Amino acid sequence: MPTIIAEALCIRHWDWSETSQTVSLFTRDHGLIRALAKGAKRDNAPFSGGLELLTRGHAVAIVKASTELATLTSWDLAEIFPGIRTGLRPFYSAMYIADLLHRLVHDSDPHPGMFDAAISALRSLSKGQDPDACLAFVQWWLIVNAGYKPNLEIEHSQGQPPTSYTFAPRSGGLVQTPPGDGSPAWGVRAATVRTLRELDDAGPASAIPAASESLSRSARLLAGYIRELLGTNIPAQDLLFARP
């Protein structure tokens, strides 16, 4: 029974009994771990600060091959992101990030870049940075790390960049002409495409850009792309974005 020691973000938790909880932890080096925290709600439990949603900590867990649930033996709280609970939009944005991680990551499938982008976005939201800018950044890097990076390059028939493009989510990004099968295709401004390219060029460790209309459009576009990738609507999307 291997023991895992990991930096982790709590993205879901449920009551298991009067004293215990089950949790989903997104760890930096081991991916998603679902675990049982026995006695987590007791005063003398080895879980400092308790196990709260959208908090970062250092976890120790025992993984058993015979069960899907690991056993969480300790949790050392490291960061709580207090600013995400000061307004509805920061809170919805943070919950959306947690939901995306739960849907895009497989058990025991590590994505350090995804973890770093999520923590960066939560810290920026907590400090009062524009939610759309944070969501454009984090959605881009979650998509990239999950292996769904959209194509942002396309040949220009007249040799000059156009003022707008066509984005077909089921075709994987920019296309010359809308698909003929009736699948979604959205008109996208050239400034929005440039913004996404700039996010990609800057890298996941870069600072989140200042608010702009182009970042807001990028956030909405990526939310629509994610909706098509997953084949379902994520509840927080309706609260945060208009459909492309």
C-alpha atoms as a PDB file:
ATOM      1  CA  MET A   1       0.000   0.000   0.000  1.00  0.00           C
ATOM      2  CA  PRO A   2       1.995   3.005  -1.240  1.00  0.00           C
ATOM      3  CA  THR A   3       1.882   6.257   0.702  1.00  0.00           C
ATOM      4  CA  ILE A   4       1.488   9.474  -1.281  1.00  0.00           C
ATOM      5  CA  ILE A   5       2.701  12.812   0.048  1.00  0.00           C
ATOM      6  CA  ALA A   6       1.420  15.623  -2.151  1.00  0.00           C
ATOM      7  CA  GLU A   7       0.560  19.271  -2.511  1.00  0.00           C
ATOM      8  CA  ALA A   8      -3.172  19.300  -3.188  1.00  0.00           C
ATOM      9  CA  LEU A   9      -6.247  21.415  -3.838  1.00  0.00           C
ATOM     10  CA  CYS A  10      -9.544  20.253  -2.350  1.00  0.00           C
ATOM     11  CA  ILE A  11     -12.105  20.399  -5.185  1.00  0.00           C
ATOM     12  CA  ARG A  12     -14.966  18.362  -3.679  1.00  0.00           C
ATOM     13  CA  HIS A  13     -16.003  16.922  -0.345  1.00  0.00           C
ATOM     14  CA  TRP A  14     -18.968  15.041   1.068  1.00  0.00           C
ATOM     15  CA  ASP A  15     -20.018  13.856   4.501  1.00  0.00           C
ATOM     16  CA  TRP A  16     -19.346  10.136   4.905  1.00  0.00           C
ATOM     17  CA  SER A  17     -20.607   9.820   8.460  1.00  0.00           C
ATOM     18  CA  GLU A  18     -21.050  12.011  11.516  1.00  0.00           C
ATOM     19  CA  THR A  19     -17.289  12.258  11.931  1.00  0.00           C
ATOM     20  CA  SER A  20     -15.763  11.414   8.528  1.00  0.00           C
ATOM     21  CA  GLN A  21     -15.658  12.919   5.036  1.00  0.00           C
ATOM     22  CA  THR A  22     -14.819  11.806   1.528  1.00  0.00           C
ATOM     23  CA  VAL A  23     -12.809  14.239  -0.568  1.00  0.00           C
ATOM     24  CA  SER A  24     -11.560  14.764  -4.103  1.00  0.00           C
ATOM     25  CA  LEU A  25      -8.063  16.214  -4.035  1.00  0.00           C
ATOM     26  CA  PHE A  26      -6.352  17.475  -7.159  1.00  0.00           C
ATOM     27  CA  THR A  27      -2.663  16.949  -6.457  1.00  0.00           C
ATOM     28  CA  ARG A  28       0.203  18.518  -8.345  1.00  0.00           C
ATOM     29  CA  ASP A  29       2.200  15.344  -8.913  1.00  0.00           C
ATOM     30  CA  HIS A  30      -0.359  12.526  -8.666  1.00  0.00           C
ATOM     31  CA  GLY A  31      -3.463  13.919 -10.354  1.00  0.00           C
ATOM     32  CA  LEU A  32      -6.916  13.396  -8.879  1.00  0.00           C
ATOM     33  CA  ILE A  33      -7.153  11.357  -5.677  1.00  0.00           C
ATOM     34  CA  ARG A  34     -10.452  10.415  -4.057  1.00  0.00           C
ATOM     35  CA  ALA A  35      -9.994   9.656  -0.402  1.00  0.00           C
ATOM     36  CA  LEU A  36     -11.744   8.884   2.856  1.00  0.00           C
ATOM     37  CA  ALA A  37     -10.772  11.187   5.719  1.00  0.00           C
ATOM     38  CA  LYS A  38     -11.715   9.205   8.795  1.00  0.00           C
ATOM     39  CA  GLY A  39     -12.558  11.342  11.790  1.00  0.00           C
ATOM     40  CA  ALA A  40     -12.027  14.559   9.807  1.00  0.00           C
ATOM     41  CA  LYS A  41     -14.719  16.378  11.781  1.00  0.00           C
ATOM     42  CA  ARG A  42     -13.352  15.435  15.203  1.00  0.00           C
ATOM     43  CA  ASP A  43     -11.578  18.130  17.194  1.00  0.00           C
ATOM     44  CA  ASN A  44      -8.378  16.091  17.541  1.00  0.00           C
ATOM     45  CA  ALA A  45      -8.230  14.908  13.902  1.00  0.00           C
ATOM     46  CA  PRO A  46      -4.884  15.194  12.037  1.00  0.00           C
ATOM     47  CA  PHE A  47      -6.416  17.614   9.535  1.00  0.00           C
ATOM     48  CA  SER A  48      -5.287  21.133  10.385  1.00  0.00           C
ATOM     49  CA  GLY A  49      -7.889  23.754   9.628  1.00  0.00           C
ATOM     50  CA  GLY A  50     -10.355  21.097   8.527  1.00  0.00           C
ATOM     51  CA  LEU A  51     -11.019  19.943   4.989  1.00  0.00           C
ATOM     52  CA  GLU A  52     -12.704  22.812   3.190  1.00  0.00           C
ATOM     53  CA  LEU A  53     -13.537  23.246  -0.482  1.00  0.00           C
ATOM     54  CA  LEU A  54     -11.058  25.306  -2.532  1.00  0.00           C
ATOM     55  CA  THR A  55      -8.216  25.237  -0.043  1.00  0.00           C
ATOM     56  CA  ARG A  56      -4.634  24.206  -0.732  1.00  0.00           C
ATOM     57  CA  GLY A  57      -2.749  21.920   1.597  1.00  0.00           C
ATOM     58  CA  HIS A  58      -0.221  19.135   1.956  1.00  0.00           C
ATOM     59  CA  ALA A  59      -1.842  15.719   2.028  1.00  0.00           C
ATOM     60  CA  VAL A  60      -0.672  12.279   3.065  1.00  0.00           C
ATOM     61  CA  ALA A  61      -2.735   9.383   1.711  1.00  0.00           C
ATOM     62  CA  ILE A  62      -2.496   5.611   1.583  1.00  0.00           C
ATOM     63  CA  VAL A  63      -3.552   4.195  -1.786  1.00  0.00           C
ATOM     64  CA  LYS A  64      -5.098   0.719  -1.805  1.00  0.00           C
ATOM     65  CA  ALA A  65      -5.353  -1.369  -4.967  1.00  0.00           C
ATOM     66  CA  SER A  66      -8.480  -3.063  -3.645  1.00  0.00           C
ATOM     67  CA  THR A  67     -10.602   0.095  -3.413  1.00  0.00           C
ATOM     68  CA  GLU A  68     -11.198   3.296  -5.369  1.00  0.00           C
ATOM     69  CA  LEU A  69     -10.922   5.383  -2.201  1.00  0.00           C
ATOM     70  CA  ALA A  70      -7.527   6.119  -0.709  1.00  0.00           C
ATOM     71  CA  THR A  71      -7.244   6.772   3.018  1.00  0.00           C
ATOM     72  CA  LEU A  72      -6.287  10.330   3.863  1.00  0.00           C
ATOM     73  CA  THR A  73      -4.141  10.217   6.982  1.00  0.00           C
ATOM     74  CA  SER A  74      -3.245  13.891   7.324  1.00  0.00           C
ATOM     75  CA  TRP A  75      -3.931  17.312   5.829  1.00  0.00           C
ATOM     76  CA  ASP A  76      -1.771  20.355   6.566  1.00  0.00           C
ATOM     77  CA  LEU A  77      -3.656  23.488   5.499  1.00  0.00           C
ATOM     78  CA  ALA A  78      -1.476  25.935   3.555  1.00  0.00           C
ATOM     79  CA  GLU A  79      -3.718  28.443   1.740  1.00  0.00           C
ATOM     80  CA  ILE A  80      -7.407  29.425   1.892  1.00  0.00           C
ATOM     81  CA  PHE A  81      -7.948  32.087  -0.873  1.00  0.00           C
ATOM     82  CA  PRO A  82     -10.234  34.265   1.308  1.00  0.00           C
ATOM     83  CA  GLY A  83     -11.037  36.799  -1.438  1.00  0.00           C
ATOM     84  CA  ILE A  84     -13.000  34.297  -3.531  1.00  0.00           C
ATOM     85  CA  ARG A  85     -15.753  34.407  -0.920  1.00  0.00           C
ATOM     86  CA  THR A  86     -16.197  38.186  -0.941  1.00  0.00           C
ATOM     87  CA  GLY A  87     -18.497  38.352  -3.978  1.00  0.00           C
ATOM     88  CA  LEU A  88     -20.676  36.150  -6.142  1.00  0.00           C
ATOM     89  CA  ARG A  89     -18.633  36.436  -9.345  1.00  0.00           C
ATOM     90  CA  PRO A  90     -15.274  35.512  -7.744  1.00  0.00           C
ATOM     91  CA  PHE A  91     -17.010  32.655  -5.910  1.00  0.00           C
ATOM     92  CA  TYR A  92     -18.747  31.328  -9.027  1.00  0.00           C
ATOM     93  CA  SER A  93     -15.454  31.611 -10.920  1.00  0.00           C
ATOM     94  CA  ALA A  94     -13.604  29.603  -8.283  1.00  0.00           C
ATOM     95  CA  MET A  95     -16.330  26.947  -8.202  1.00  0.00           C
ATOM     96  CA  TYR A  96     -16.178  26.745 -11.982  1.00  0.00           C
ATOM     97  CA  ILE A  97     -12.423  26.095 -11.812  1.00  0.00           C
ATOM     98  CA  ALA A  98     -12.999  23.282  -9.304  1.00  0.00           C
ATOM     99  CA  ASP A  99     -15.693  21.756 -11.516  1.00  0.00           C
ATOM    100  CA  LEU A 100     -13.457  21.938 -14.593  1.00  0.00           C
ATOM    101  CA  LEU A 101     -10.655  20.154 -12.781  1.00  0.00           C
ATOM    102  CA  HIS A 102     -13.026  17.416 -11.681  1.00  0.00           C
ATOM    103  CA  ARG A 103     -14.276  16.898 -15.236  1.00  0.00           C
ATOM    104  CA  LEU A 104     -11.001  17.257 -17.168  1.00  0.00           C
ATOM    105  CA  VAL A 105      -8.653  15.232 -14.959  1.00  0.00           C
ATOM    106  CA  HIS A 106      -8.596  11.452 -14.617  1.00  0.00           C
ATOM    107  CA  ASP A 107      -7.725   9.660 -11.402  1.00  0.00           C
ATOM    108  CA  SER A 108      -3.987   9.401 -10.781  1.00  0.00           C
ATOM    109  CA  ASP A 109      -3.205  11.367 -13.963  1.00  0.00           C
ATOM    110  CA  PRO A 110      -0.745  14.131 -12.990  1.00  0.00           C
ATOM    111  CA  HIS A 111      -0.844  17.553 -14.650  1.00  0.00           C
ATOM    112  CA  PRO A 112       1.565  19.910 -12.819  1.00  0.00           C
ATOM    113  CA  GLY A 113       0.937  22.721 -15.324  1.00  0.00           C
ATOM    114  CA  MET A 114      -2.806  22.441 -14.784  1.00  0.00           C
ATOM    115  CA  PHE A 115      -2.338  22.554 -11.012  1.00  0.00           C
ATOM    116  CA  ASP A 116      -0.093  25.612 -11.214  1.00  0.00           C
ATOM    117  CA  ALA A 117      -2.525  27.458 -13.504  1.00  0.00           C
ATOM    118  CA  ALA A 118      -5.461  26.724 -11.187  1.00  0.00           C
ATOM    119  CA  ILE A 119      -3.580  27.938  -8.104  1.00  0.00           C
ATOM    120  CA  SER A 120      -2.443  31.081  -9.945  1.00  0.00           C
ATOM    121  CA  ALA A 121      -6.029  31.852 -11.003  1.00  0.00           C
ATOM    122  CA  LEU A 122      -7.407  31.289  -7.486  1.00  0.00           C
ATOM    123  CA  ARG A 123      -4.756  33.552  -5.978  1.00  0.00           C
ATOM    124  CA  SER A 124      -5.513  36.273  -8.519  1.00  0.00           C
ATOM    125  CA  LEU A 125      -9.258  35.984  -7.923  1.00  0.00           C
ATOM    126  CA  SER A 126      -8.640  36.194  -4.186  1.00  0.00           C
ATOM    127  CA  LYS A 127      -6.665  39.418  -4.696  1.00  0.00           C
ATOM    128  CA  GLY A 128      -9.543  41.004  -6.593  1.00  0.00           C
ATOM    129  CA  GLN A 129      -8.283  40.600 -10.155  1.00  0.00           C
ATOM    130  CA  ASP A 130     -10.860  40.642 -12.943  1.00  0.00           C
ATOM    131  CA  PRO A 131     -12.639  37.239 -13.053  1.00  0.00           C
ATOM    132  CA  ASP A 132     -12.839  37.169 -16.860  1.00  0.00           C
ATOM    133  CA  ALA A 133      -9.066  37.665 -17.150  1.00  0.00           C
ATOM    134  CA  CYS A 134      -8.471  34.889 -14.608  1.00  0.00           C
ATOM    135  CA  LEU A 135     -10.894  32.556 -16.377  1.00  0.00           C
ATOM    136  CA  ALA A 136      -9.445  33.205 -19.832  1.00  0.00           C
ATOM    137  CA  PHE A 137      -6.011  32.303 -18.437  1.00  0.00           C
ATOM    138  CA  VAL A 138      -7.011  29.223 -16.465  1.00  0.00           C
ATOM    139  CA  GLN A 139      -9.377  27.802 -19.091  1.00  0.00           C
ATOM    140  CA  TRP A 140      -6.667  28.090 -21.741  1.00  0.00           C
ATOM    141  CA  TRP A 141      -4.074  26.237 -19.679  1.00  0.00           C
ATOM    142  CA  LEU A 142      -6.506  23.593 -18.448  1.00  0.00           C
ATOM    143  CA  ILE A 143      -7.489  22.886 -22.054  1.00  0.00           C
ATOM    144  CA  VAL A 144      -3.862  22.796 -23.210  1.00  0.00           C
ATOM    145  CA  ASN A 145      -2.755  20.469 -20.410  1.00  0.00           C
ATOM    146  CA  ALA A 146      -5.738  18.185 -20.982  1.00  0.00           C
ATOM    147  CA  GLY A 147      -4.639  17.744 -24.605  1.00  0.00           C
ATOM    148  CA  TYR A 148      -7.355  19.805 -26.310  1.00  0.00           C
ATOM    149  CA  LYS A 149      -5.398  22.859 -27.415  1.00  0.00           C
ATOM    150  CA  PRO A 150      -7.408  24.505 -30.217  1.00  0.00           C
ATOM    151  CA  ASN A 151      -5.792  25.307 -33.535  1.00  0.00           C
ATOM    152  CA  LEU A 152      -5.213  29.066 -33.750  1.00  0.00           C
ATOM    153  CA  GLU A 153      -3.261  29.089 -37.005  1.00  0.00           C
ATOM    154  CA  ILE A 154      -4.857  29.300 -40.427  1.00  0.00           C
ATOM    155  CA  GLU A 155      -3.691  30.304 -43.885  1.00  0.00           C
ATOM    156  CA  HIS A 156      -4.852  33.660 -45.239  1.00  0.00           C
ATOM    157  CA  SER A 157      -6.038  33.368 -48.805  1.00  0.00           C
ATOM    158  CA  GLN A 158      -5.319  37.020 -49.604  1.00  0.00           C
ATOM    159  CA  GLY A 159      -2.038  37.154 -47.729  1.00  0.00           C
ATOM    160  CA  GLN A 160      -3.426  39.594 -45.139  1.00  0.00           C
ATOM    161  CA  PRO A 161      -4.790  38.650 -41.716  1.00  0.00           C
ATOM    162  CA  PRO A 162      -8.598  38.906 -41.631  1.00  0.00           C
ATOM    163  CA  THR A 163     -10.543  40.988 -39.131  1.00  0.00           C
ATOM    164  CA  SER A 164     -12.498  37.921 -38.010  1.00  0.00           C
ATOM    165  CA  TYR A 165     -12.256  34.138 -38.055  1.00  0.00           C
ATOM    166  CA  THR A 166     -14.519  31.104 -37.839  1.00  0.00           C
ATOM    167  CA  PHE A 167     -14.061  28.880 -34.786  1.00  0.00           C
ATOM    168  CA  ALA A 168     -15.536  25.375 -35.049  1.00  0.00           C
ATOM    169  CA  PRO A 169     -15.189  23.659 -31.657  1.00  0.00           C
ATOM    170  CA  ARG A 170     -15.804  20.122 -32.923  1.00  0.00           C
ATOM    171  CA  SER A 171     -13.241  20.646 -35.674  1.00  0.00           C
ATOM    172  CA  GLY A 172     -10.633  21.688 -33.121  1.00  0.00           C
ATOM    173  CA  GLY A 173     -10.343  25.441 -33.631  1.00  0.00           C
ATOM    174  CA  LEU A 174     -10.102  27.890 -36.535  1.00  0.00           C
ATOM    175  CA  VAL A 175     -11.385  26.731 -39.918  1.00  0.00           C
ATOM    176  CA  GLN A 176     -11.529  28.242 -43.378  1.00  0.00           C
ATOM    177  CA  THR A 177     -15.246  27.545 -43.796  1.00  0.00           C
ATOM    178  CA  PRO A 178     -17.971  26.456 -41.359  1.00  0.00           C
ATOM    179  CA  PRO A 179     -18.404  22.658 -41.170  1.00  0.00           C
ATOM    180  CA  GLY A 180     -21.103  21.264 -43.408  1.00  0.00           C
ATOM    181  CA  ASP A 181     -22.523  18.883 -40.830  1.00  0.00           C
ATOM    182  CA  GLY A 182     -24.459  21.521 -38.914  1.00  0.00           C
ATOM    183  CA  SER A 183     -22.103  21.469 -35.916  1.00  0.00           C
ATOM    184  CA  PRO A 184     -21.477  24.794 -34.134  1.00  0.00           C
ATOM    185  CA  ALA A 185     -19.311  27.468 -35.748  1.00  0.00           C
ATOM    186  CA  TRP A 186     -18.759  30.880 -34.203  1.00  0.00           C
ATOM    187  CA  GLY A 187     -17.466  34.127 -35.581  1.00  0.00           C
ATOM    188  CA  VAL A 188     -14.431  35.297 -33.596  1.00  0.00           C
ATOM    189  CA  ARG A 189     -12.732  38.666 -33.742  1.00  0.00           C
ATOM    190  CA  ALA A 190      -9.081  38.786 -34.764  1.00  0.00           C
ATOM    191  CA  ALA A 191      -8.287  40.558 -31.463  1.00  0.00           C
ATOM    192  CA  THR A 192      -9.645  37.572 -29.542  1.00  0.00           C
ATOM    193  CA  VAL A 193      -7.443  35.173 -31.497  1.00  0.00           C
ATOM    194  CA  ARG A 194      -4.422  37.412 -30.854  1.00  0.00           C
ATOM    195  CA  THR A 195      -5.208  37.387 -27.136  1.00  0.00           C
ATOM    196  CA  LEU A 196      -5.303  33.581 -27.047  1.00  0.00           C
ATOM    197  CA  ARG A 197      -2.017  33.413 -28.933  1.00  0.00           C
ATOM    198  CA  GLU A 198      -0.484  35.821 -26.416  1.00  0.00           C
ATOM    199  CA  LEU A 199      -1.665  33.650 -23.518  1.00  0.00           C
ATOM    200  CA  ASP A 200      -0.070  30.641 -25.167  1.00  0.00           C
ATOM    201  CA  ASP A 201       3.189  32.441 -25.886  1.00  0.00           C
ATOM    202  CA  ALA A 202       3.479  33.783 -22.331  1.00  0.00           C
ATOM    203  CA  GLY A 203       3.258  30.330 -20.744  1.00  0.00           C
ATOM    204  CA  PRO A 204       1.444  28.968 -17.673  1.00  0.00           C
ATOM    205  CA  ALA A 205       3.890  30.553 -15.224  1.00  0.00           C
ATOM    206  CA  SER A 206       3.237  34.089 -16.501  1.00  0.00           C
ATOM    207  CA  ALA A 207       1.264  36.748 -14.652  1.00  0.00           C
ATOM    208  CA  ILE A 208      -2.422  36.923 -15.500  1.00  0.00           C
ATOM    209  CA  PRO A 209      -3.010  39.919 -17.810  1.00  0.00           C
ATOM    210  CA  ALA A 210      -5.009  42.971 -16.797  1.00  0.00           C
ATOM    211  CA  ALA A 211      -8.697  43.096 -17.642  1.00  0.00           C
ATOM    212  CA  SER A 212      -9.686  43.808 -21.231  1.00  0.00           C
ATOM    213  CA  GLU A 213     -12.705  43.297 -23.476  1.00  0.00           C
ATOM    214  CA  SER A 214     -10.664  40.888 -25.563  1.00  0.00           C
ATOM    215  CA  LEU A 215      -9.927  38.719 -22.505  1.00  0.00           C
ATOM    216  CA  SER A 216     -13.640  38.700 -21.656  1.00  0.00           C
ATOM    217  CA  ARG A 217     -14.449  37.500 -25.178  1.00  0.00           C
ATOM    218  CA  SER A 218     -11.669  34.902 -24.906  1.00  0.00           C
ATOM    219  CA  ALA A 219     -13.124  33.592 -21.644  1.00  0.00           C
ATOM    220  CA  ARG A 220     -16.578  33.210 -23.231  1.00  0.00           C
ATOM    221  CA  LEU A 221     -15.146  31.509 -26.312  1.00  0.00           C
ATOM    222  CA  LEU A 222     -13.152  29.002 -24.257  1.00  0.00           C
ATOM    223  CA  ALA A 223     -16.184  28.263 -22.077  1.00  0.00           C
ATOM    224  CA  GLY A 224     -18.157  27.417 -25.226  1.00  0.00           C
ATOM    225  CA  TYR A 225     -15.307  25.251 -26.480  1.00  0.00           C
ATOM    226  CA  ILE A 226     -15.180  23.372 -23.181  1.00  0.00           C
ATOM    227  CA  ARG A 227     -18.950  22.861 -23.288  1.00  0.00           C
ATOM    228  CA  GLU A 228     -18.617  21.212 -26.682  1.00  0.00           C
ATOM    229  CA  LEU A 229     -15.613  19.122 -25.599  1.00  0.00           C
ATOM    230  CA  LEU A 230     -17.447  17.755 -22.575  1.00  0.00           C
ATOM    231  CA  GLY A 231     -20.771  17.394 -24.346  1.00  0.00           C
ATOM    232  CA  THR A 232     -22.601  18.906 -21.408  1.00  0.00           C
ATOM    233  CA  ASN A 233     -23.269  22.218 -19.770  1.00  0.00           C
ATOM    234  CA  ILE A 234     -21.437  23.095 -16.570  1.00  0.00           C
ATOM    235  CA  PRO A 235     -23.849  24.878 -14.199  1.00  0.00           C
ATOM    236  CA  ALA A 236     -21.512  27.766 -13.357  1.00  0.00           C
ATOM    237  CA  GLN A 237     -21.117  28.616 -17.050  1.00  0.00           C
ATOM    238  CA  ASP A 238     -24.667  29.960 -17.207  1.00  0.00           C
ATOM    239  CA  LEU A 239     -23.872  32.234 -14.274  1.00  0.00           C
ATOM    240  CA  LEU A 240     -20.583  33.486 -15.724  1.00  0.00           C
ATOM    241  CA  PHE A 241     -20.850  33.595 -19.511  1.00  0.00           C
ATOM    242  CA  ALA A 242     -23.199  34.326 -22.332  1.00  0.00           C
ATOM    243  CA  ARG A 243     -23.043  31.632 -25.000  1.00  0.00           C
ATOM    244  CA  PRO A 244     -20.716  32.452 -27.968  1.00  0.00           C
END
